[in-house]
């Protein structure tokens, strides 16, 4: 019995489910029950009937699964080096200080944040629904974080004042993309369309043919008549896109905007670690009960929208 068969056997015996983010390595995407973006995985985590959730992603994602399933066992196969740098850029103190400065503003934060930050926000959002969430509030002023580039994306889709916290927040992977990359890629592939994630810099967003969440990228790639598509996000998104194209019986040329657009914390998961995680039921995500209850309110407001 090989390792994939062993994982599937243990998973069945323990009524476990494996969730993986789009940026996970190919071997992890291949054995996951569901692969998706933050919003998709939030919904699956909330609806699952599994007793154990194995989350292959970074720290805040496993925390979110626990918040939505406080009575289930949520495991992450690796506990070291899986911190999302951007999530850690917005500790509660920055939010509280901003609220003192702007007492009438609502706080909408990216789901890419820690549970302690979610617990004091009015709502979370993802790159797929940030504009809808923000526009659902009556208030004219929104404290938004931690990604400034997503803040730029949202500001173009709302009449509200968007105040980014912190002032220099962002994803180190998407910050690698420059306008010169888009210009060079379009020159090399003149028949290609370029799609970019809203965590990319404004100059990249403005040059891209479409700015989309990773979930939006799946829909776009399946529906566009273009046969060549330049992908402006983390490289392993191409694995997910190729899986979806294969299921649809289609083939297209997918070109990474940058081959070094790699999220190191996302690459800490391996088949061996997933198997060990299932056998030993480690590492378990634990959160303070009060934090869970408060953070759940901000996540559910997003999900209800």
Foldseek 3Di string as FASTA:
>chain_A
DDLLVLLVVLCVVQQEFEEEELQADLVSVVSHPYYYHLVVLLVCLLPDPGQEYEYQAADLSLVSSCLSPVNHWYAYLDDPLRHQVLQVLDACVQVVVVCVVVVQAAEEEESSHHLRNLLPHQAYAHLACVLVLVVVDPDQEYEYDDQVLSLVVNVVNDNGHYHYPPPDGAGPLQAVDDLVLVVVVCVVVVQEAEEAESRHHPSNCVSHPYYHDLVRVLVCLVPDPGQEYEYHAAPSSVSVSVVSCVVVVHHGHYHYSDPPSHDVSSHPDDSVSSSVCSVVVDDTDDDDPSSSVSSSSNHVSHVVD
